[in-house]
Amino acid sequence: MRRQIWLWQSAKVARRGRTSVGRRQFFGEGGSTDGGGAWIFLAGKKVMQIALGRSPADEAKTGLHKLSKFLQGDTGLFFTNLPRDDVERLFREFEEHDFARTGSIATETVELKEGPLEQFTHEMEPFLRKQGLPVRLNKGAVELVADHIVCEEGKPISPEAAQTLRLLGMQMATFRLYLVCRWSSDDFETYKEGLAQLRAGEADDSP
């Protein structure tokens, strides 16, 4: 089986109702040198571009400079001898639940009811107030003095709501890896969904 290099883009998307395959499980399989001889390569983008080559004149092998131009944002390289179908399945099935970022869309409405917030210690009361929660200390315990909506389904999550959801341990996002392109000594191809995620990442990073 010939060596192939795959470039992937990581992204957080709205959490879906499916089983999560964790980062440890994915990188454990991807990092194994048994059988397929596969490993993940993460380094500075400039370092990886120099190693691959930025143009036909300085590329390490024919066509590798095509990978370099996609090395931007949250991307990485996957070196493997695994069959193409196995790699595509590995990336397609990978998901890990994660906390939503500010500005992402809430997948559900989260409302806290009036009364004790037993999961929080009294030292956290000032911080909770800064996040907009109507709280007070009652005999050393944090208490919500009125019902409070943290976020609403379908609406952007505020910075304060993102912090509160994290404190509550509520994960509304899914961390995924999208294949952007694949190089081998024989051919080079791109993946539509991965390119779309790459462009979306560029838009998020633009001022």
Protein backbone atom coordinates (compact mmCIF):
# COMPACT_ATOMS: atom_id res chain seq x y z
CA MET A 1 0.00 0.00 0.00
CA ARG A 2 1.49 3.36 -1.02
CA ARG A 3 2.03 6.19 1.43
CA GLN A 4 -0.62 8.90 1.47
CA ILE A 5 -0.78 12.26 3.23
CA TRP A 6 -4.13 13.68 4.26
CA LEU A 7 -4.74 17.25 5.42
CA TRP A 8 -7.60 17.88 7.84
CA GLN A 9 -9.38 20.88 9.36
CA SER A 10 -10.79 20.83 12.89
CA ALA A 11 -14.04 22.61 13.72
CA LYS A 12 -16.75 22.87 16.34
CA VAL A 13 -20.28 22.31 15.08
CA ALA A 14 -23.70 22.10 16.72
CA ARG A 15 -23.98 18.92 18.73
CA ARG A 16 -25.99 16.16 17.09
CA GLY A 17 -27.66 13.13 18.61
CA ARG A 18 -25.03 10.52 17.81
CA THR A 19 -22.37 8.55 19.65
CA SER A 20 -19.17 10.43 20.32
CA VAL A 21 -15.80 8.97 19.37
CA GLY A 22 -13.34 10.75 21.64
CA ARG A 23 -10.12 12.51 20.72
CA ARG A 24 -8.07 10.01 22.72
CA GLN A 25 -9.64 7.08 20.87
CA PHE A 26 -9.12 8.74 17.49
CA PHE A 27 -5.52 9.79 18.05
CA GLY A 28 -4.79 6.43 19.64
CA GLU A 29 -5.86 4.66 16.46
CA GLY A 30 -4.38 7.29 14.18
CA GLY A 31 -1.09 7.34 16.05
CA SER A 32 -0.55 3.59 15.93
CA THR A 33 2.33 2.31 13.84
CA ASP A 34 0.84 -1.19 13.75
CA GLY A 35 -0.54 -2.47 10.47
CA GLY A 36 -1.35 0.73 8.66
CA GLY A 37 1.66 2.67 9.93
CA ALA A 38 -0.32 5.86 10.51
CA TRP A 39 0.43 8.96 12.53
CA ILE A 40 -0.79 12.52 13.10
CA PHE A 41 1.64 15.39 12.54
CA LEU A 42 0.99 18.69 14.33
CA ALA A 43 3.49 21.55 14.19
CA GLY A 44 3.72 25.19 13.20
CA LYS A 45 2.15 25.79 9.81
CA LYS A 46 5.31 27.42 8.41
CA VAL A 47 7.40 24.46 9.57
CA MET A 48 5.10 22.01 7.81
CA GLN A 49 4.98 24.14 4.66
CA ILE A 50 8.77 24.27 4.48
CA ALA A 51 8.99 20.51 5.03
CA LEU A 52 6.53 19.79 2.22
CA GLY A 53 7.63 22.57 -0.10
CA ARG A 54 5.77 25.73 -1.06
CA SER A 55 6.26 25.46 -4.81
CA PRO A 56 7.14 22.86 -7.45
CA ALA A 57 10.74 24.09 -7.25
CA ASP A 58 11.27 23.20 -3.58
CA GLU A 59 8.70 20.46 -2.87
CA ALA A 60 10.00 17.26 -1.28
CA LYS A 61 8.04 15.11 -3.72
CA THR A 62 5.99 15.91 -6.80
CA GLY A 63 2.69 17.57 -5.91
CA LEU A 64 3.36 18.13 -2.20
CA HIS A 65 3.28 21.92 -2.61
CA LYS A 66 -0.46 21.55 -3.27
CA LEU A 67 -0.89 20.46 0.36
CA SER A 68 1.07 23.44 1.64
CA LYS A 69 -1.38 26.05 0.40
CA PHE A 70 -4.12 24.49 2.55
CA LEU A 71 -2.03 24.55 5.74
CA GLN A 72 -3.76 27.37 7.58
CA GLY A 73 -5.87 27.81 10.68
CA ASP A 74 -6.70 24.64 12.62
CA THR A 75 -5.24 22.10 10.22
CA GLY A 76 -2.96 19.10 10.57
CA LEU A 77 -1.47 16.25 8.56
CA PHE A 78 -2.20 12.52 8.70
CA PHE A 79 0.44 10.18 7.24
CA THR A 80 -0.68 6.63 6.58
CA ASN A 81 -0.57 3.49 4.48
CA LEU A 82 -4.18 2.73 5.42
CA PRO A 83 -6.66 2.21 2.56
CA ARG A 84 -8.54 5.31 1.46
CA ASP A 85 -11.93 3.95 2.60
CA ASP A 86 -10.59 3.27 6.09
CA VAL A 87 -9.22 6.80 6.46
CA GLU A 88 -12.45 8.39 5.23
CA ARG A 89 -14.45 6.25 7.67
CA LEU A 90 -12.12 7.14 10.55
CA PHE A 91 -12.56 10.87 10.01
CA ARG A 92 -16.27 10.62 9.22
CA GLU A 93 -17.05 8.77 12.45
CA PHE A 94 -14.90 10.90 14.73
CA GLU A 95 -16.80 13.24 17.05
CA GLU A 96 -16.21 14.58 20.54
CA HIS A 97 -18.64 16.61 22.60
CA ASP A 98 -17.27 19.99 23.61
CA PHE A 99 -18.32 23.31 25.12
CA ALA A 100 -19.92 25.85 22.81
CA ARG A 101 -18.09 29.06 21.96
CA THR A 102 -19.40 32.58 22.27
CA GLY A 103 -21.59 33.41 19.28
CA SER A 104 -22.46 29.82 18.41
CA ILE A 105 -26.12 28.89 18.23
CA ALA A 106 -27.70 27.25 21.27
CA THR A 107 -29.10 23.80 20.54
CA GLU A 108 -31.49 23.95 23.48
CA THR A 109 -32.96 26.36 26.00
CA VAL A 110 -31.29 26.22 29.40
CA GLU A 111 -33.23 27.67 32.32
CA LEU A 112 -32.18 27.65 35.96
CA LYS A 113 -34.98 27.60 38.51
CA GLU A 114 -35.14 29.75 41.62
CA GLY A 115 -33.55 28.10 44.62
CA PRO A 116 -30.23 26.68 45.83
CA LEU A 117 -27.42 26.06 43.32
CA GLU A 118 -25.76 23.25 45.20
CA GLN A 119 -23.12 22.62 42.53
CA PHE A 120 -21.47 25.97 43.28
CA THR A 121 -19.45 26.93 46.36
CA HIS A 122 -19.91 30.24 48.16
CA GLU A 123 -16.59 31.53 46.73
CA MET A 124 -18.15 31.46 43.24
CA GLU A 125 -21.06 33.76 44.09
CA PRO A 126 -19.34 37.00 42.91
CA PHE A 127 -18.27 35.37 39.65
CA LEU A 128 -21.77 34.04 39.02
CA ARG A 129 -23.20 37.53 39.51
CA LYS A 130 -20.75 38.83 36.90
CA GLN A 131 -22.18 36.27 34.48
CA GLY A 132 -25.62 37.80 34.98
CA LEU A 133 -27.08 35.23 37.36
CA PRO A 134 -29.37 36.73 40.04
CA VAL A 135 -27.71 35.02 43.01
CA ARG A 136 -27.08 35.67 46.68
CA LEU A 137 -25.57 33.86 49.64
CA ASN A 138 -28.08 32.30 52.01
CA LYS A 139 -26.45 30.82 55.10
CA GLY A 140 -23.26 30.26 53.12
CA ALA A 141 -24.99 28.59 50.18
CA VAL A 142 -25.39 30.06 46.68
CA GLU A 143 -29.05 30.69 45.92
CA LEU A 144 -30.79 31.83 42.74
CA VAL A 145 -33.35 34.46 43.74
CA ALA A 146 -35.36 34.16 40.49
CA ASP A 147 -35.67 31.87 37.48
CA HIS A 148 -32.91 32.62 34.96
CA ILE A 149 -32.62 31.72 31.27
CA VAL A 150 -28.98 31.05 30.41
CA CYS A 151 -29.54 30.64 26.65
CA GLU A 152 -32.39 30.07 24.22
CA GLU A 153 -32.54 27.46 21.50
CA GLY A 154 -31.73 28.90 18.07
CA LYS A 155 -30.16 32.09 19.43
CA PRO A 156 -26.45 33.05 19.70
CA ILE A 157 -24.72 32.22 22.96
CA SER A 158 -23.41 35.27 24.82
CA PRO A 159 -19.96 35.33 26.47
CA GLU A 160 -21.62 35.13 29.89
CA ALA A 161 -23.82 32.22 28.81
CA ALA A 162 -20.81 30.36 27.40
CA GLN A 163 -19.06 30.68 30.77
CA THR A 164 -22.17 29.58 32.66
CA LEU A 165 -22.73 26.55 30.42
CA ARG A 166 -19.12 25.53 30.99
CA LEU A 167 -19.60 25.82 34.76
CA LEU A 168 -22.74 23.71 34.48
CA GLY A 169 -20.87 21.12 32.42
CA MET A 170 -23.29 21.46 29.51
CA GLN A 171 -21.71 20.71 26.12
CA MET A 172 -23.61 22.01 23.09
CA ALA A 173 -20.86 21.69 20.50
CA THR A 174 -19.15 18.81 18.73
CA PHE A 175 -15.45 18.80 17.85
CA ARG A 176 -14.90 17.25 14.42
CA LEU A 177 -12.12 16.72 11.90
CA TYR A 178 -12.86 17.28 8.20
CA LEU A 179 -10.69 15.91 5.42
CA VAL A 180 -9.57 18.79 3.17
CA CYS A 181 -7.32 17.03 0.67
CA ARG A 182 -5.28 13.90 0.00
CA TRP A 183 -1.88 13.49 -1.64
CA SER A 184 -0.21 10.37 -3.00
CA SER A 185 2.56 9.87 -5.52
CA ASP A 186 -0.10 9.16 -8.15
CA ASP A 187 -2.77 11.79 -7.56
CA PHE A 188 -4.14 14.69 -5.51
CA GLU A 189 -7.75 15.35 -4.58
CA THR A 190 -9.77 17.75 -2.44
CA TYR A 191 -12.90 17.25 -0.35
CA LYS A 192 -15.79 19.67 -0.75
CA GLU A 193 -16.97 19.60 2.88
CA GLY A 194 -13.47 20.06 4.23
CA LEU A 195 -12.79 23.01 1.91
CA ALA A 196 -16.02 24.63 3.11
CA GLN A 197 -14.92 24.27 6.73
CA LEU A 198 -11.50 25.70 5.87
CA ARG A 199 -13.09 28.76 4.27
CA ALA A 200 -15.45 29.15 7.24
CA GLY A 201 -12.44 29.14 9.55
CA GLU A 202 -10.77 31.83 7.45
CA ALA A 203 -13.91 33.98 7.70
CA ASP A 204 -14.00 33.57 11.50
CA ASP A 205 -10.35 34.64 11.78
CA SER A 206 -10.71 37.70 9.55
CA PRO A 207 -10.97 41.09 11.33
